[in-house]
């Protein structure tokens, strides 16, 4: 029989359904206890048999969310992700998702559980020594971007559970996400860029800052550059890897962000001269350090040859330079990249050229990111049309 109903007591029934055969040919059955009258048992039997015949049946599992996430990370996530992305997934799930959801059975997770998780992440965080205010629910105080990233990871995990027939549907599909906040782009004006370069001229990392501003590379790209990536004859640098610091210590070379991130970026003659002088000083420091120098062939390194730490570089060199230049500390080291792109576009450079210099996946991303520059470009285009259409023909 495909299914049968067995009475086990007063208003208690066991529904037994044949679900197929295992790899050894052994018959498999689903046994479900139903509390109620016989019609309830019959309804469950008919519904389950229909789901089995249509391929939508999901056998109930006692697996918890924690146990499932362990399996998903190892079987589905790790093989397709870079080490950096995998570690970020692992950290995010450990700190945000597992505490509230980990002990719940996977089959019991509902959209309400996920919505509550996102609400807790978004709710304001109670500051130290601050008295809680009545009527306010406190949480982690995370940004909309952090919540959306968590949603992306968790939804991917649950989507795989649906494909593995462990869930009927993805509970993340029915939740509301916080509105995405478009952060204002921070970039130097031409005058500010000049003041900044003057302020870093005497810093030991002056060449690094100048190089970053002139090439538009990401910090993890120029910090991973080796001298073998630099062509001093043609004045160009090739991005082949990124420098990644692990949480808790240690570093490694990773793959560029996208396929288009692998690129060759030319730099101005002034930067070329600075690099030549920088290499001379680095060679002298290497000889002085002797066997203690850890030679990784890095263009930008510490006095011992090890990679530069981004936080130290920011706090000990970049921010003091901003103060000397009279610039606000709101600027980040990454904003040197934004400044390079903005200055080029304001100067009338073709957005396609700027996109290739930055290593963007597409020109659409470049135009969306630097849309604040477009009004001035439109004004310049209008003035060009005035010159082309009217001044030459004498039409007014």
Protein backbone atom coordinates (compact mmCIF):
# COMPACT_ATOMS: atom_id res chain seq x y z
CA UNK A 1 0.00 0.00 0.00
CA UNK A 2 1.19 3.56 -0.74
CA UNK A 3 -0.22 4.69 2.60
CA UNK A 4 -2.30 3.55 5.50
CA UNK A 5 -3.92 4.95 8.64
CA UNK A 6 -3.50 3.02 11.89
CA UNK A 7 -5.50 3.83 15.01
CA UNK A 8 -3.36 4.13 18.13
CA UNK A 9 -5.85 5.26 20.74
CA UNK A 10 -8.56 7.79 21.38
CA UNK A 11 -8.22 10.42 18.64
CA UNK A 12 -4.63 9.34 17.86
CA UNK A 13 -3.65 7.98 14.45
CA UNK A 14 -0.42 6.91 12.82
CA UNK A 15 -0.20 7.69 9.10
CA UNK A 16 2.26 5.37 7.34
CA UNK A 17 3.31 6.37 3.81
CA UNK A 18 5.64 4.61 1.38
CA UNK A 19 8.25 7.16 0.17
CA UNK A 20 10.38 4.98 -2.12
CA UNK A 21 13.46 2.80 -1.83
CA UNK A 22 16.94 3.66 -0.58
CA UNK A 23 20.25 3.00 -2.37
CA UNK A 24 20.15 -0.69 -1.30
CA UNK A 25 16.58 -1.18 -2.53
CA UNK A 26 15.06 -1.20 0.94
CA UNK A 27 11.53 0.18 1.22
CA UNK A 28 11.29 3.48 3.11
CA UNK A 29 8.28 4.76 5.02
CA UNK A 30 7.22 8.00 6.64
CA UNK A 31 5.40 7.57 9.96
CA UNK A 32 3.46 10.55 11.27
CA UNK A 33 1.34 10.70 14.44
CA UNK A 34 -1.82 12.78 14.02
CA UNK A 35 -3.87 14.02 16.94
CA UNK A 36 -7.58 14.45 16.06
CA UNK A 37 -10.22 12.57 14.19
CA UNK A 38 -9.74 10.23 11.23
CA UNK A 39 -10.50 12.99 8.72
CA UNK A 40 -7.43 14.87 9.95
CA UNK A 41 -5.31 11.78 9.35
CA UNK A 42 -6.84 11.28 5.90
CA UNK A 43 -6.18 14.90 5.00
CA UNK A 44 -2.51 14.57 5.96
CA UNK A 45 -2.23 11.31 4.02
CA UNK A 46 -3.74 12.75 0.84
CA UNK A 47 -1.75 16.01 1.04
CA UNK A 48 1.54 14.18 1.61
CA UNK A 49 0.92 11.66 -1.17
CA UNK A 50 0.17 14.50 -3.58
CA UNK A 51 3.40 16.27 -2.57
CA UNK A 52 5.39 13.06 -3.10
CA UNK A 53 3.90 12.47 -6.53
CA UNK A 54 4.57 16.09 -7.64
CA UNK A 55 8.12 16.15 -6.25
CA UNK A 56 7.39 18.89 -3.72
CA UNK A 57 7.48 16.73 -0.60
CA UNK A 58 10.02 17.63 2.07
CA UNK A 59 10.60 15.01 4.73
CA UNK A 60 10.63 16.56 8.20
CA UNK A 61 14.13 16.74 9.68
CA UNK A 62 15.35 17.15 13.24
CA UNK A 63 18.39 19.07 11.96
CA UNK A 64 18.86 22.43 13.68
CA UNK A 65 19.81 25.62 11.88
CA UNK A 66 23.29 25.40 13.44
CA UNK A 67 23.81 21.85 12.16
CA UNK A 68 22.49 22.75 8.72
CA UNK A 69 24.70 25.85 8.42
CA UNK A 70 27.74 23.72 9.27
CA UNK A 71 26.86 21.38 6.41
CA UNK A 72 26.05 24.20 4.00
CA UNK A 73 29.29 26.06 4.67
CA UNK A 74 31.38 22.95 4.10
CA UNK A 75 29.51 21.35 1.19
CA UNK A 76 28.16 24.33 -0.76
CA UNK A 77 29.86 27.56 0.29
CA UNK A 78 33.53 26.65 0.73
CA UNK A 79 34.06 25.10 -2.74
CA UNK A 80 32.78 28.17 -4.61
CA UNK A 81 33.99 31.06 -2.44
CA UNK A 82 37.36 32.69 -2.01
CA UNK A 83 38.94 32.28 1.42
CA UNK A 84 38.21 35.91 2.25
CA UNK A 85 34.50 35.64 1.39
CA UNK A 86 34.15 32.29 3.12
CA UNK A 87 35.64 33.67 6.34
CA UNK A 88 33.31 36.68 6.16
CA UNK A 89 30.30 34.32 5.78
CA UNK A 90 31.50 32.22 8.71
CA UNK A 91 32.04 35.29 10.94
CA UNK A 92 28.69 36.86 10.05
CA UNK A 93 26.73 33.67 10.75
CA UNK A 94 28.55 33.12 14.03
CA UNK A 95 27.91 36.61 15.41
CA UNK A 96 24.50 37.53 13.98
CA UNK A 97 22.54 34.47 12.84
CA UNK A 98 23.48 31.53 15.04
CA UNK A 99 22.72 33.13 18.47
CA UNK A 100 18.99 33.75 17.79
CA UNK A 101 18.27 31.03 15.19
CA UNK A 102 20.85 28.29 15.70
CA UNK A 103 18.87 26.09 18.11
CA UNK A 104 15.65 26.18 16.04
CA UNK A 105 14.90 23.19 13.85
CA UNK A 106 15.52 24.01 10.20
CA UNK A 107 12.01 22.84 9.24
CA UNK A 108 10.48 25.16 11.86
CA UNK A 109 12.09 28.42 10.68
CA UNK A 110 9.48 30.93 9.62
CA UNK A 111 9.71 34.38 8.00
CA UNK A 112 8.80 35.86 11.39
CA UNK A 113 12.01 34.42 12.90
CA UNK A 114 14.09 35.98 10.14
CA UNK A 115 12.25 39.30 10.37
CA UNK A 116 12.91 39.40 14.12
CA UNK A 117 16.60 38.74 13.46
CA UNK A 118 16.85 41.68 11.07
CA UNK A 119 14.91 43.87 13.50
CA UNK A 120 17.37 43.07 16.27
CA UNK A 121 20.30 43.87 14.01
CA UNK A 122 18.80 47.22 12.94
CA UNK A 123 17.57 48.38 16.36
CA UNK A 124 19.72 51.08 18.02
CA UNK A 125 22.50 49.88 20.29
CA UNK A 126 22.47 50.96 23.92
CA UNK A 127 25.57 53.05 24.42
CA UNK A 128 27.90 52.43 27.32
CA UNK A 129 26.84 54.22 30.54
CA UNK A 130 23.61 55.31 28.85
CA UNK A 131 20.34 54.60 30.64
CA UNK A 132 17.80 52.71 28.51
CA UNK A 133 14.89 54.82 27.33
CA UNK A 134 11.35 53.54 27.92
CA UNK A 135 9.56 52.29 24.85
CA UNK A 136 12.77 51.67 22.87
CA UNK A 137 13.86 48.18 21.87
CA UNK A 138 17.63 48.02 21.67
CA UNK A 139 19.68 45.79 19.40
CA UNK A 140 23.00 45.75 17.59
CA UNK A 141 22.74 49.13 15.87
CA UNK A 142 23.97 47.80 12.52
CA UNK A 143 23.64 49.58 9.19
CA UNK A 144 21.16 48.67 6.47
CA UNK A 145 24.11 47.46 4.42
CA UNK A 146 25.09 44.95 7.13
CA UNK A 147 21.52 43.67 7.40
CA UNK A 148 21.24 43.30 3.64
CA UNK A 149 24.53 41.43 3.46
CA UNK A 150 23.36 39.07 6.21
CA UNK A 151 20.13 38.55 4.28
CA UNK A 152 22.09 37.68 1.15
CA UNK A 153 24.12 35.01 2.97
CA UNK A 154 21.21 33.53 4.93
CA UNK A 155 18.91 33.51 1.90
CA UNK A 156 21.59 31.71 -0.10
CA UNK A 157 21.86 29.07 2.62
CA UNK A 158 18.08 28.52 2.80
CA UNK A 159 17.76 28.51 -0.98
CA UNK A 160 20.19 25.60 -1.05
CA UNK A 161 18.08 23.83 1.59
CA UNK A 162 15.12 24.11 -0.77
CA UNK A 163 17.17 22.60 -3.60
CA UNK A 164 18.26 19.79 -1.27
CA UNK A 165 14.56 19.16 -0.41
CA UNK A 166 15.11 20.07 3.24
CA UNK A 167 12.74 23.06 3.11
CA UNK A 168 9.55 23.60 1.14
CA UNK A 169 10.27 27.31 0.64
CA UNK A 170 12.89 29.89 1.56
CA UNK A 171 11.69 31.85 4.64
CA UNK A 172 13.90 34.79 3.64
CA UNK A 173 11.74 35.48 0.61
CA UNK A 174 8.86 36.84 2.69
CA UNK A 175 10.70 39.38 4.86
CA UNK A 176 11.05 43.15 4.57
CA UNK A 177 14.55 44.61 4.33
CA UNK A 178 15.67 48.01 5.64
CA UNK A 179 15.83 50.72 3.03
CA UNK A 180 19.21 50.96 1.36
CA UNK A 181 20.89 54.23 2.28
CA UNK A 182 22.99 55.78 -0.46
CA UNK A 183 26.09 57.14 1.24
CA UNK A 184 27.52 60.37 -0.10
CA UNK A 185 30.70 59.93 -2.09
CA UNK A 186 33.78 61.48 -0.46
CA UNK A 187 36.40 62.77 -2.88
CA UNK A 188 39.06 65.49 -2.99
CA UNK A 189 38.56 68.55 -5.13
CA UNK A 190 41.58 69.53 -7.25
CA UNK A 191 42.60 72.09 -4.60
CA UNK A 192 42.18 69.58 -1.76
CA UNK A 193 44.18 66.98 -3.66
CA UNK A 194 47.01 69.48 -4.04
CA UNK A 195 46.98 70.31 -0.33
CA UNK A 196 46.97 66.63 0.55
CA UNK A 197 49.96 65.84 -1.67
CA UNK A 198 51.87 68.77 -0.15
CA UNK A 199 51.02 67.52 3.36
CA UNK A 200 52.30 63.96 2.72
CA UNK A 201 55.46 65.00 0.90
CA UNK A 202 57.63 64.50 4.00
CA UNK A 203 55.90 61.29 5.18
CA UNK A 204 57.74 57.97 4.82
CA UNK A 205 54.74 56.70 2.83
CA UNK A 206 54.50 59.72 0.53
CA UNK A 207 55.06 57.55 -2.55
CA UNK A 208 52.29 55.18 -1.51
CA UNK A 209 49.74 57.97 -1.05
CA UNK A 210 50.73 59.62 -4.32
CA UNK A 211 50.56 56.30 -6.15
CA UNK A 212 47.11 55.52 -4.68
CA UNK A 213 45.70 58.90 -5.72
CA UNK A 214 47.17 58.70 -9.24
CA UNK A 215 46.21 55.10 -10.07
CA UNK A 216 42.81 54.74 -8.36
CA UNK A 217 43.73 51.26 -7.13
CA UNK A 218 42.02 49.70 -4.14
CA UNK A 219 44.15 49.61 -0.95
CA UNK A 220 44.27 45.81 -1.01
CA UNK A 221 45.60 46.02 -4.58
CA UNK A 222 48.47 48.48 -4.17
CA UNK A 223 49.49 46.96 -0.81
CA UNK A 224 49.90 43.60 -2.63
CA UNK A 225 52.01 44.97 -5.50
CA UNK A 226 55.43 43.42 -6.03
CA UNK A 227 58.28 45.04 -7.90
CA UNK A 228 57.80 42.37 -10.55
CA UNK A 229 54.39 43.97 -11.20
CA UNK A 230 55.95 47.39 -11.89
CA UNK A 231 57.24 48.30 -15.35
CA UNK A 232 59.50 51.30 -14.72
CA UNK A 233 60.27 51.65 -18.43
CA UNK A 234 56.66 52.11 -19.58
CA UNK A 235 55.41 53.55 -16.28
CA UNK A 236 52.67 51.05 -15.51
CA UNK A 237 51.62 48.65 -12.74
CA UNK A 238 49.75 45.36 -13.17
CA UNK A 239 47.23 44.15 -10.59
CA UNK A 240 47.63 40.39 -10.11
CA UNK A 241 46.66 39.80 -6.47
CA UNK A 242 45.25 41.41 -3.32
CA UNK A 243 46.52 41.57 0.25
CA UNK A 244 44.08 40.16 2.77
CA UNK A 245 44.41 40.27 6.55
CA UNK A 246 42.69 37.48 8.47
CA UNK A 247 40.54 38.30 11.46
CA UNK A 248 42.63 37.42 14.50
CA UNK A 249 45.95 37.91 12.71
CA UNK A 250 47.93 36.72 9.73
CA UNK A 251 47.72 37.63 6.07
CA UNK A 252 47.74 36.04 2.65
CA UNK A 253 47.61 36.97 -1.03
CA UNK A 254 44.15 36.55 -2.55
CA UNK A 255 42.59 36.82 -5.98
CA UNK A 256 41.55 40.23 -7.37
CA UNK A 257 37.94 41.21 -6.70
CA UNK A 258 36.68 40.48 -10.24
CA UNK A 259 38.14 39.32 -13.54
CA UNK A 260 38.32 42.96 -14.68
CA UNK A 261 40.26 43.84 -11.55
CA UNK A 262 43.22 42.14 -13.22
CA UNK A 263 44.48 45.10 -15.19
CA UNK A 264 47.47 47.23 -16.07
CA UNK A 265 47.32 50.82 -14.86
CA UNK A 266 49.68 53.49 -16.24
CA UNK A 267 50.85 56.21 -13.88
CA UNK A 268 52.22 59.75 -14.38
CA UNK A 269 55.91 60.52 -14.83
CA UNK A 270 56.03 62.24 -11.44
CA UNK A 271 54.88 59.00 -9.80
CA UNK A 272 57.50 57.08 -11.79
CA UNK A 273 60.28 59.30 -10.46
CA UNK A 274 58.91 58.91 -6.93
CA UNK A 275 58.85 55.11 -7.29
CA UNK A 276 62.47 55.02 -8.47
CA UNK A 277 63.58 57.02 -5.43
CA UNK A 278 61.35 54.91 -3.18
CA UNK A 279 63.00 51.72 -4.45
CA UNK A 280 66.45 53.14 -3.80
CA UNK A 281 65.56 53.93 -0.19
CA UNK A 282 63.93 50.52 0.24
CA UNK A 283 67.06 48.72 -1.02
CA UNK A 284 69.19 50.70 1.44
CA UNK A 285 66.85 49.76 4.31
CA UNK A 286 66.96 46.12 3.23
CA UNK A 287 70.75 46.05 3.27
CA UNK A 288 70.78 47.69 6.69
CA UNK A 289 68.29 45.17 8.13
CA UNK A 290 70.23 42.21 6.76
CA UNK A 291 68.87 38.77 7.58
CA UNK A 292 65.99 40.27 9.58
CA UNK A 293 64.43 41.68 6.42
CA UNK A 294 61.56 39.48 5.20
CA UNK A 295 61.80 39.95 1.49
CA UNK A 296 58.44 39.40 -0.24
CA UNK A 297 59.36 41.79 -3.08
CA UNK A 298 56.58 44.13 -1.93
CA UNK A 299 56.59 47.65 -3.35
CA UNK A 300 55.06 49.11 -0.21
CA UNK A 301 56.22 47.39 2.98
CA UNK A 302 57.34 47.99 6.54
CA UNK A 303 61.01 48.50 7.44
CA UNK A 304 61.22 44.72 7.94
CA UNK A 305 59.73 43.93 4.53
CA UNK A 306 56.36 42.75 5.88
CA UNK A 307 52.99 43.96 4.51
CA UNK A 308 51.61 47.26 5.75
CA UNK A 309 48.64 47.13 8.09
CA UNK A 310 45.76 49.24 6.77
CA UNK A 311 44.67 50.46 10.21
CA UNK A 312 48.17 51.53 11.20
CA UNK A 313 48.67 53.22 7.85
CA UNK A 314 45.43 55.16 8.34
CA UNK A 315 45.87 56.17 11.96
CA UNK A 316 49.62 56.91 11.97
CA UNK A 317 50.09 58.47 8.55
CA UNK A 318 46.93 59.18 6.52
CA UNK A 319 44.88 60.95 9.19
CA UNK A 320 47.81 63.10 10.44
CA UNK A 321 48.35 64.16 6.81
CA UNK A 322 44.69 65.18 6.55
CA UNK A 323 45.07 67.33 9.65
CA UNK A 324 48.21 68.98 8.28
CA UNK A 325 46.37 69.71 5.02
CA UNK A 326 43.40 71.19 6.89
CA UNK A 327 41.10 68.46 5.58
CA UNK A 328 38.35 66.73 7.60
CA UNK A 329 38.97 63.28 9.06
CA UNK A 330 35.81 62.03 7.34
CA UNK A 331 38.02 61.10 4.38
CA UNK A 332 39.09 57.45 4.30
CA UNK A 333 42.13 55.92 2.68
CA UNK A 334 39.74 54.30 0.17
CA UNK A 335 38.62 57.80 -0.84
CA UNK A 336 41.91 58.31 -2.67
CA UNK A 337 40.45 55.87 -5.20
CA UNK A 338 37.20 57.85 -5.37
CA UNK A 339 39.18 61.07 -5.73
CA UNK A 340 41.16 59.71 -8.68
CA UNK A 341 37.97 58.75 -10.52
CA UNK A 342 36.14 61.97 -9.67
CA UNK A 343 39.03 64.22 -10.75
CA UNK A 344 39.34 62.37 -14.06
CA UNK A 345 35.62 62.59 -14.82
CA UNK A 346 35.44 66.27 -13.87
CA UNK A 347 38.35 66.83 -16.26
CA UNK A 348 36.24 65.32 -19.04
CA UNK A 349 37.84 61.88 -19.28
CA UNK A 350 35.75 59.20 -20.99
CA UNK A 351 33.87 57.18 -18.30
CA UNK A 352 34.88 53.98 -20.11
CA UNK A 353 38.55 54.84 -19.58
CA UNK A 354 37.90 55.63 -15.92
CA UNK A 355 36.01 52.34 -15.52
CA UNK A 356 38.92 50.35 -16.94
CA UNK A 357 41.38 52.19 -14.70
CA UNK A 358 39.35 51.33 -11.60
CA UNK A 359 38.81 47.72 -12.65
CA UNK A 360 35.03 47.98 -12.40
CA UNK A 361 32.96 45.06 -13.63
CA UNK A 362 31.09 47.38 -16.01
CA UNK A 363 30.82 51.03 -16.99
CA UNK A 364 27.31 51.03 -15.48
CA UNK A 365 28.86 50.56 -12.03
CA UNK A 366 31.21 53.49 -12.68
CA UNK A 367 28.41 55.79 -13.78
CA UNK A 368 26.22 54.79 -10.81
CA UNK A 369 29.05 55.26 -8.32
CA UNK A 370 30.10 58.64 -9.65
CA UNK A 371 26.70 59.98 -10.63
CA UNK A 372 27.42 63.11 -8.53
CA UNK A 373 29.90 64.15 -11.22
CA UNK A 374 27.42 63.87 -14.09
CA UNK A 375 25.71 67.29 -13.65
CA UNK A 376 29.00 69.14 -14.13
CA UNK A 377 29.80 66.90 -17.11
CA UNK A 378 26.40 67.71 -18.61
CA UNK A 379 27.11 71.42 -18.21
CA UNK A 380 30.47 71.01 -19.95
CA UNK A 381 28.73 69.07 -22.74
CA UNK A 382 26.19 71.88 -23.10
CA UNK A 383 28.97 74.45 -23.46
CA UNK A 384 30.61 72.30 -26.12
CA UNK A 385 27.33 72.14 -28.04
CA UNK A 386 27.11 75.94 -27.84
CA UNK A 387 30.55 76.16 -29.41
CA UNK A 388 29.88 73.51 -32.07
CA UNK A 389 26.34 74.43 -33.14
CA UNK A 390 26.16 78.17 -32.79
CA UNK A 391 29.43 80.03 -32.49
CA UNK A 392 30.90 78.49 -35.62
CA UNK A 393 27.78 79.19 -37.71
CA UNK A 394 27.21 82.62 -36.22
CA UNK A 395 23.66 81.62 -35.22
CA UNK A 396 22.41 83.26 -32.01
